[in-house]
Amino acid sequence: MQAYLDYAATTPMSQTALQAYQKAALVLGNASSVHRAGQHARELLEEGRVWLAESMGAHPLEVILNSGGTEGDNHVFWSVAQQFEKGHIITSSIEHSAVLAPARFLEATGRFQVTYLTPDRWGRVHPEQVKEALRSDTVLVSIMHANNEVGSVQDIQQIAAYAREKGVLVHTDAVQSLGILPVDVHAWGVDYASFSAHKFYGPTGVGMLYVRRGLELAPHMMAGHQEKGFRGGTHNVTGVYAAGAAAREAVLEQPETHAQLTALKQHLQEGLQGIEGTFFNHAPDSSPKVLSVTVQGADGEALLMNLDLEGVYVSAGSACSAGTMQASHVLLALGLSEEDARSSLRFSLGKGVTAAEIDFAIEGFKAAVSRSRF
C-alpha cells in the first residue's frame, strides 16, 4: 500500500479533466487562425475560459491565461514595476517564493520599498496589520489567500477593503484555494488573483490571472498579440479546456470536498498527536487541505526519507523549495527555531485520499519517527 499525501504540491488530473483533455487534443487548429479549424479550437479555448472565470466569480474578459501561479504572481509585480516609477509594496513573510522573489527584486532596484508583515503564531496576517502599514506611496498589497505550508486562511475581503479605501492595488495568490474554499474574486474586492490548474485536478502548465476590468496590466515579458497582447505564445487549447472542466467540477464539489478533507485531517491529527515531541503548526480554522507537524529531536531529511521508504509521500514544505534542505521560511516566520523548522513535515490532502490511507500513513509516520530521532 502507498499513501500520496502531497496534494498541495500537485493533484492528479480528474477523470473529467482527462476526458476533456482527450477531446480537445483531437482538435486540429491554432486558436489564433481565422480558418474553420482554427475557430473550432478558439471555441474550445473560450469555453474553457468561461468555465475558469465562473469558478472564481469573474467575467471571462477578466481572465488572462498563462502557465500557472508563478507566472501570474510575477506578471502582477512586473506590471506594477512598469506602471509606477517608485513606491511602496506590502506583502507578508509567509508568501510563496513566486511573490517574495519579485518583491525582493523590485526592492533591490532601489525604486520600491517593501514591508514584509509578520503573521501570528498560526500564520494569520490580520487586516489591521495591512491597514497600519499602508502609506501615501503604497502601490500594491499582495497577500495570499490560503497558505501552502500551514494552511492559514486570510481575510482577503477586509484586507482589500482597507487597501481600496486608499486607492491601492490588491493581489492575492489563491493557488491553494479553488475547490477547497469558497472563491469569489468580485466579492473579495481584489484587483488581481493567481490560480494554477494542477492544484485543483487539472493539467500542469496551465494557470489563470484574474485582472479586474478597467485595470491596467503591462504586457508580459513574453510579448505577442495573443491574450489581448498581455501574453504572447500559441494558446494551450487542450490544457485550458481540461483546466476549465476541472475547475467547474472542483467548484461544484467544493462543499463536499471541504467536509471530506476536514474529517480526514482530524483523523490524521488525532493519530499523530500522541507521538512524544510532536506539535502542530496550523490553526484550527486553517484550510482542511494542509497539516503541518514538527517532530522535535528528529532529523528532517531522515524523517522524509524514512517516510518515503514506508510508502508515505509528503513534503518538508513548498515543493518549489524541495532539495534545498533549507528551513522553511514560513515556519521561521511563525517563530519556530531553525532546528524545529528543519524537523517539520507538511501533509496535504486531496479528495482521492481514503481513511485506510490515513491509517497507513499514521503507522508509517510512527515507524519513521523512531528511526529519525537524533
Protein backbone atom coordinates (compact mmCIF):
# COMPACT_ATOMS: atom_id res chain seq x y z
CA MET A 1 0.00 0.00 0.00
CA GLN A 2 1.06 3.61 -0.59
CA ALA A 3 -0.27 6.94 0.60
CA TYR A 4 0.21 10.05 -1.53
CA LEU A 5 -0.33 12.97 0.85
CA ASP A 6 1.30 15.79 -1.11
CA TYR A 7 -1.74 17.34 -2.81
CA ALA A 8 -0.53 20.88 -2.09
CA ALA A 9 2.39 20.14 -4.43
CA THR A 10 0.21 18.76 -7.22
CA THR A 11 -3.00 16.84 -7.74
CA PRO A 12 -3.75 14.09 -10.25
CA MET A 13 -5.95 15.01 -13.17
CA SER A 14 -9.56 14.07 -12.55
CA GLN A 15 -11.40 11.78 -14.94
CA THR A 16 -13.47 14.76 -16.04
CA ALA A 17 -10.32 16.72 -16.85
CA LEU A 18 -8.74 13.76 -18.63
CA GLN A 19 -11.82 13.29 -20.82
CA ALA A 20 -11.87 16.98 -21.66
CA TYR A 21 -8.15 16.87 -22.41
CA GLN A 22 -8.61 13.94 -24.78
CA LYS A 23 -11.49 15.67 -26.58
CA ALA A 24 -9.52 18.88 -27.09
CA ALA A 25 -6.34 17.04 -28.08
CA LEU A 26 -8.14 15.62 -31.11
CA VAL A 27 -8.97 19.09 -32.42
CA LEU A 28 -6.61 20.32 -35.12
CA GLY A 29 -6.13 24.05 -35.32
CA ASN A 30 -4.39 27.06 -33.82
CA ALA A 31 -6.83 29.19 -31.84
CA SER A 32 -5.38 32.32 -33.45
CA SER A 33 -6.01 31.12 -37.01
CA VAL A 34 -9.01 32.54 -38.88
CA HIS A 35 -9.95 29.39 -40.80
CA ARG A 36 -12.65 26.99 -39.63
CA ALA A 37 -10.26 24.59 -37.90
CA GLY A 38 -8.67 27.47 -36.01
CA GLN A 39 -12.05 28.82 -34.97
CA HIS A 40 -13.10 25.39 -33.68
CA ALA A 41 -10.01 25.44 -31.47
CA ARG A 42 -10.90 29.00 -30.41
CA GLU A 43 -14.38 27.83 -29.39
CA LEU A 44 -12.88 25.21 -27.07
CA LEU A 45 -10.40 27.73 -25.68
CA GLU A 46 -13.10 30.26 -24.89
CA GLU A 47 -15.39 27.60 -23.42
CA GLY A 48 -12.57 26.65 -21.08
CA ARG A 49 -12.02 30.33 -20.22
CA VAL A 50 -15.73 30.75 -19.39
CA TRP A 51 -15.61 27.77 -17.01
CA LEU A 52 -12.46 29.11 -15.35
CA ALA A 53 -13.99 32.56 -14.96
CA GLU A 54 -17.18 31.15 -13.45
CA SER A 55 -15.18 29.08 -10.97
CA MET A 56 -13.58 32.21 -9.48
CA GLY A 57 -16.59 34.51 -9.73
CA ALA A 58 -15.18 36.58 -12.58
CA HIS A 59 -16.15 37.63 -16.11
CA PRO A 60 -14.34 35.79 -18.95
CA LEU A 61 -12.82 39.07 -20.16
CA GLU A 62 -11.09 39.34 -16.77
CA VAL A 63 -9.18 36.07 -17.17
CA ILE A 64 -5.66 36.06 -18.61
CA LEU A 65 -4.48 32.55 -19.45
CA ASN A 66 -0.91 31.60 -18.56
CA SER A 67 1.31 28.74 -17.41
CA GLY A 68 0.47 28.79 -13.69
CA GLY A 69 0.52 30.63 -10.39
CA THR A 70 4.18 31.58 -10.52
CA GLU A 71 3.77 33.33 -13.85
CA GLY A 72 0.64 35.09 -12.63
CA ASP A 73 2.32 36.35 -9.47
CA ASN A 74 5.35 37.58 -11.38
CA HIS A 75 3.18 39.24 -14.04
CA VAL A 76 1.47 41.39 -11.41
CA PHE A 77 4.78 42.59 -9.95
CA TRP A 78 6.20 43.16 -13.44
CA SER A 79 3.15 45.24 -14.31
CA VAL A 80 3.47 47.32 -11.13
CA ALA A 81 7.12 47.96 -11.96
CA GLN A 82 6.07 49.26 -15.39
CA GLN A 83 3.17 51.39 -14.09
CA PHE A 84 4.99 53.15 -11.25
CA GLU A 85 8.41 54.76 -11.20
CA LYS A 86 8.68 54.10 -7.48
CA GLY A 87 6.53 53.26 -4.49
CA HIS A 88 5.79 51.07 -1.51
CA ILE A 89 4.63 47.43 -1.55
CA ILE A 90 3.05 45.46 1.28
CA THR A 91 3.27 41.68 1.43
CA SER A 92 3.92 39.09 4.16
CA SER A 93 6.89 37.00 5.22
CA ILE A 94 4.98 33.75 4.57
CA GLU A 95 4.17 34.28 0.91
CA HIS A 96 5.13 31.78 -1.76
CA SER A 97 8.52 32.39 -3.35
CA ALA A 98 6.69 33.41 -6.54
CA VAL A 99 5.68 36.57 -4.67
CA LEU A 100 8.70 37.03 -2.42
CA ALA A 101 11.24 36.75 -5.25
CA PRO A 102 9.81 39.55 -7.44
CA ALA A 103 9.17 41.68 -4.34
CA ARG A 104 12.82 41.38 -3.34
CA PHE A 105 13.90 42.05 -6.92
CA LEU A 106 11.93 45.30 -7.05
CA GLU A 107 13.27 46.21 -3.62
CA ALA A 108 16.82 45.65 -4.84
CA THR A 109 16.34 48.09 -7.71
CA GLY A 110 16.01 50.88 -5.17
CA ARG A 111 12.79 52.10 -6.75
CA PHE A 112 10.47 50.31 -4.34
CA GLN A 113 10.33 49.79 -0.60
CA VAL A 114 8.70 46.60 0.67
CA THR A 115 7.05 45.92 4.02
CA TYR A 116 7.00 42.22 4.95
CA LEU A 117 4.27 41.74 7.52
CA THR A 118 4.88 39.16 10.26
CA PRO A 119 1.98 36.74 10.87
CA ASP A 120 0.82 35.48 14.24
CA ARG A 121 1.82 32.05 15.59
CA TRP A 122 -0.73 30.36 13.33
CA GLY A 123 0.24 32.12 10.12
CA ARG A 124 -2.58 34.66 10.13
CA VAL A 125 -1.98 38.15 8.74
CA HIS A 126 -4.59 40.36 10.36
CA PRO A 127 -6.25 43.04 8.21
CA GLU A 128 -5.38 45.70 10.79
CA GLN A 129 -1.69 44.99 10.12
CA VAL A 130 -2.23 45.87 6.48
CA LYS A 131 -4.23 48.96 7.40
CA GLU A 132 -1.46 50.21 9.69
CA ALA A 133 1.23 49.52 7.08
CA LEU A 134 -0.48 51.48 4.29
CA ARG A 135 1.32 54.66 3.28
CA SER A 136 0.62 57.54 0.93
CA ASP A 137 3.02 55.97 -1.59
CA THR A 138 1.78 52.36 -1.29
CA VAL A 139 1.05 50.96 -4.76
CA LEU A 140 0.40 47.26 -4.14
CA VAL A 141 -0.73 44.88 -1.40
CA SER A 142 -0.07 41.19 -2.11
CA ILE A 143 -1.32 38.68 0.49
CA MET A 144 -2.05 35.03 -0.31
CA HIS A 145 -5.50 33.64 0.46
CA ALA A 146 -4.58 30.15 1.76
CA ASN A 147 -1.01 29.38 2.75
CA ASN A 148 0.61 26.44 1.01
CA GLU A 149 2.60 25.22 4.03
CA VAL A 150 0.41 25.76 7.10
CA GLY A 151 -2.99 26.35 5.52
CA SER A 152 -3.74 29.67 7.23
CA VAL A 153 -6.63 31.47 5.52
CA GLN A 154 -6.51 35.26 5.34
CA ASP A 155 -9.43 37.70 5.43
CA ILE A 156 -8.74 38.92 1.91
CA GLN A 157 -12.05 40.75 1.66
CA GLN A 158 -11.26 43.01 4.62
CA ILE A 159 -7.64 43.45 3.56
CA ALA A 160 -8.81 44.53 0.12
CA ALA A 161 -11.37 46.91 1.63
CA TYR A 162 -8.69 48.74 3.61
CA ALA A 163 -6.43 48.98 0.56
CA ARG A 164 -9.18 50.12 -1.78
CA GLU A 165 -10.02 52.98 0.62
CA LYS A 166 -6.56 54.32 -0.17
CA GLY A 167 -6.72 53.53 -3.88
CA VAL A 168 -4.09 50.79 -3.56
CA LEU A 169 -3.98 47.77 -5.89
CA VAL A 170 -4.57 44.37 -4.27
CA HIS A 171 -3.27 40.99 -5.42
CA THR A 172 -3.84 37.60 -3.85
CA ASP A 173 -2.17 34.28 -4.61
CA ALA A 174 -5.19 31.96 -4.43
CA VAL A 175 -3.48 28.90 -5.89
CA GLN A 176 -4.35 26.65 -2.93
CA SER A 177 -7.95 27.80 -2.59
CA LEU A 178 -10.10 26.83 -5.56
CA GLY A 179 -12.07 23.64 -4.94
CA ILE A 180 -11.21 23.65 -1.23
CA LEU A 181 -12.52 27.02 -0.04
CA PRO A 182 -15.20 29.33 -1.45
CA VAL A 183 -13.66 31.63 -4.07
CA ASP A 184 -15.29 34.83 -5.37
CA VAL A 185 -12.84 37.44 -6.58
CA HIS A 186 -15.55 40.07 -7.10
CA ALA A 187 -16.82 39.63 -3.54
CA TRP A 188 -13.24 39.74 -2.25
CA GLY A 189 -12.74 43.10 -3.96
CA VAL A 190 -9.24 42.26 -5.21
CA ASP A 191 -7.69 43.62 -8.38
CA TYR A 192 -5.59 40.58 -9.27
CA ALA A 193 -5.71 36.89 -8.27
CA SER A 194 -3.48 33.99 -9.35
CA PHE A 195 -4.58 30.38 -9.87
CA SER A 196 -2.99 27.15 -11.11
CA ALA A 197 -4.88 24.22 -12.65
CA HIS A 198 -2.74 21.41 -11.28
CA LYS A 199 -3.82 22.33 -7.75
CA PHE A 200 -7.49 21.54 -8.50
CA TYR A 201 -7.16 18.30 -10.51
CA GLY A 202 -6.39 19.92 -13.84
CA PRO A 203 -3.26 19.65 -16.03
CA THR A 204 0.13 21.10 -15.16
CA GLY A 205 1.36 24.11 -17.09
CA VAL A 206 -2.00 25.90 -17.12
CA GLY A 207 -2.93 28.86 -14.96
CA MET A 208 -5.01 31.99 -14.97
CA LEU A 209 -4.64 35.51 -13.70
CA TYR A 210 -7.75 37.44 -12.75
CA VAL A 211 -7.48 41.11 -13.68
CA ARG A 212 -10.37 43.34 -12.65
CA ARG A 213 -11.99 45.04 -15.62
CA GLY A 214 -10.80 48.58 -16.18
CA LEU A 215 -7.35 47.99 -14.70
CA GLU A 216 -4.08 48.46 -16.50
CA LEU A 217 -1.84 45.44 -16.88
CA ALA A 218 1.53 45.78 -18.55
CA PRO A 219 2.24 43.13 -21.20
CA HIS A 220 4.17 40.12 -20.01
CA MET A 221 7.85 39.86 -20.92
CA MET A 222 6.77 37.24 -23.49
CA ALA A 223 5.40 39.80 -25.92
CA GLY A 224 2.90 38.82 -28.59
CA HIS A 225 -0.61 39.50 -29.81
CA GLN A 226 -2.25 36.54 -28.05
CA GLU A 227 -4.26 37.12 -24.85
CA LYS A 228 -5.13 40.66 -25.92
CA GLY A 229 -1.43 41.48 -26.04
CA PHE A 230 -0.84 40.68 -22.37
CA ARG A 231 0.98 37.40 -23.05
CA GLY A 232 2.47 36.02 -26.23
CA GLY A 233 2.67 32.41 -27.40
CA THR A 234 0.36 29.89 -29.02
CA HIS A 235 -2.60 29.10 -26.80
CA ASN A 236 -2.63 25.78 -24.97
CA VAL A 237 -6.17 24.91 -26.07
CA THR A 238 -6.03 21.34 -24.79
CA GLY A 239 -4.77 22.34 -21.36
CA VAL A 240 -7.16 25.29 -20.94
CA TYR A 241 -10.20 23.24 -21.93
CA ALA A 242 -9.23 20.48 -19.46
CA ALA A 243 -8.47 23.06 -16.76
CA GLY A 244 -11.88 24.62 -17.25
CA ALA A 245 -13.59 21.27 -16.90
CA ALA A 246 -11.57 20.54 -13.75
CA ALA A 247 -12.39 23.94 -12.25
CA ARG A 248 -16.11 23.61 -12.91
CA GLU A 249 -16.15 20.19 -11.25
CA ALA A 250 -13.98 21.33 -8.32
CA VAL A 251 -16.32 24.22 -7.52
CA LEU A 252 -19.44 22.05 -7.74
CA GLU A 253 -17.86 19.55 -5.35
CA GLN A 254 -16.25 22.15 -3.04
CA PRO A 255 -18.64 21.79 -0.06
CA GLU A 256 -18.37 18.01 -0.19
CA THR A 257 -14.59 18.14 -0.62
CA HIS A 258 -14.21 20.55 2.30
CA ALA A 259 -16.20 18.25 4.57
CA GLN A 260 -14.28 15.16 3.43
CA LEU A 261 -10.86 16.75 3.94
CA THR A 262 -11.88 18.17 7.32
CA ALA A 263 -12.71 14.67 8.54
CA LEU A 264 -9.50 13.19 7.10
CA LYS A 265 -7.37 15.94 8.63
CA GLN A 266 -8.92 15.42 12.06
CA HIS A 267 -8.32 11.67 11.75
CA LEU A 268 -4.68 12.26 10.80
CA GLN A 269 -4.07 14.80 13.54
CA GLU A 270 -5.55 12.52 16.19
CA GLY A 271 -3.24 9.75 15.03
CA LEU A 272 -0.11 11.90 15.14
CA GLN A 273 -0.64 13.98 18.26
CA GLY A 274 0.03 11.12 20.65
CA ILE A 275 3.62 10.80 19.46
CA GLU A 276 6.01 12.29 22.01
CA GLY A 277 7.67 15.56 20.99
CA THR A 278 5.26 16.47 18.19
CA PHE A 279 3.29 19.67 17.79
CA PHE A 280 1.25 21.23 15.00
CA ASN A 281 1.73 24.50 13.16
CA HIS A 282 -1.72 25.06 11.69
CA ALA A 283 -4.67 26.88 13.25
CA PRO A 284 -7.97 25.13 13.97
CA ASP A 285 -9.60 27.27 11.28
CA SER A 286 -6.91 26.61 8.66
CA SER A 287 -7.55 25.01 5.28
CA PRO A 288 -8.52 21.33 5.65
CA LYS A 289 -6.06 20.54 2.88
CA VAL A 290 -2.89 21.10 4.93
CA LEU A 291 -1.49 19.69 8.17
CA SER A 292 1.94 20.84 9.38
CA VAL A 293 3.68 18.86 12.11
CA THR A 294 7.01 19.30 13.89
CA VAL A 295 8.86 16.30 15.35
CA GLN A 296 11.30 17.64 17.92
CA GLY A 297 14.62 15.85 18.01
CA ALA A 298 14.18 14.31 14.57
CA ASP A 299 16.36 14.82 11.53
CA GLY A 300 14.02 16.27 8.93
CA GLU A 301 15.78 14.79 5.92
CA ALA A 302 15.91 11.35 7.54
CA LEU A 303 12.25 11.63 8.51
CA LEU A 304 11.25 12.44 4.96
CA MET A 305 13.35 9.59 3.53
CA ASN A 306 12.11 7.07 6.08
CA LEU A 307 8.52 8.02 5.32
CA ASP A 308 9.25 7.51 1.64
CA LEU A 309 10.58 4.03 2.43
CA GLU A 310 7.32 3.36 4.27
CA GLY A 311 5.39 4.35 1.14
CA VAL A 312 4.09 7.63 2.57
CA TYR A 313 4.69 10.61 0.31
CA VAL A 314 4.70 14.04 1.98
CA SER A 315 6.81 17.19 1.83
CA ALA A 316 9.16 19.17 4.04
CA GLY A 317 7.48 22.37 2.81
CA SER A 318 6.79 24.01 -0.51
CA ALA A 319 7.51 21.76 -3.47
CA CYS A 320 9.27 24.70 -5.11
CA SER A 321 11.99 24.54 -2.44
CA ALA A 322 12.43 20.78 -2.49
CA GLY A 323 16.06 19.68 -2.46
CA THR A 324 17.41 22.89 -0.94
CA MET A 325 17.45 21.48 2.63
CA GLN A 326 16.81 24.97 3.94
CA ALA A 327 14.49 25.55 6.86
CA SER A 328 11.04 26.69 5.77
CA HIS A 329 10.82 30.49 5.69
CA VAL A 330 7.13 30.13 6.60
CA LEU A 331 7.82 28.17 9.79
CA LEU A 332 10.64 30.52 10.75
CA ALA A 333 8.26 33.45 10.32
CA LEU A 334 5.84 31.68 12.68
CA GLY A 335 8.54 31.76 15.35
CA LEU A 336 9.92 28.23 15.13
CA SER A 337 13.61 27.70 15.78
CA GLU A 338 15.85 26.67 12.92
CA GLU A 339 16.08 23.18 14.45
CA ASP A 340 12.32 22.75 14.79
CA ALA A 341 11.66 24.15 11.32
CA ARG A 342 14.04 21.57 9.87
CA SER A 343 12.21 18.82 11.76
CA SER A 344 8.81 19.63 10.26
CA LEU A 345 6.71 18.00 7.59
CA ARG A 346 3.67 19.02 5.56
CA PHE A 347 0.89 16.52 4.94
CA SER A 348 -1.57 17.75 2.30
CA LEU A 349 -4.82 16.01 1.50
CA GLY A 350 -6.95 15.54 -1.58
CA LYS A 351 -10.31 14.09 -2.49
CA GLY A 352 -8.73 10.81 -3.56
CA VAL A 353 -7.40 10.05 -0.06
CA THR A 354 -9.12 7.33 1.97
CA ALA A 355 -9.35 6.71 5.70
CA ALA A 356 -7.35 3.49 5.17
CA GLU A 357 -4.52 5.53 3.64
CA ILE A 358 -4.58 7.87 6.64
CA ASP A 359 -4.26 4.87 8.98
CA PHE A 360 -1.39 3.57 6.84
CA ALA A 361 0.30 6.99 6.96
CA ILE A 362 -0.04 7.20 10.75
CA GLU A 363 1.67 3.85 11.25
CA GLY A 364 4.34 4.75 8.71
CA PHE A 365 4.95 8.05 10.46
CA LYS A 366 5.42 6.34 13.81
CA ALA A 367 7.98 3.95 12.29
CA ALA A 368 9.79 6.78 10.51
CA VAL A 369 9.97 8.89 13.67
CA SER A 370 11.51 6.05 15.65
CA ARG A 371 14.31 5.79 13.06
CA SER A 372 14.86 9.51 12.65
CA ARG A 373 15.46 10.79 16.18
CA PHE A 374 18.93 12.18 16.92
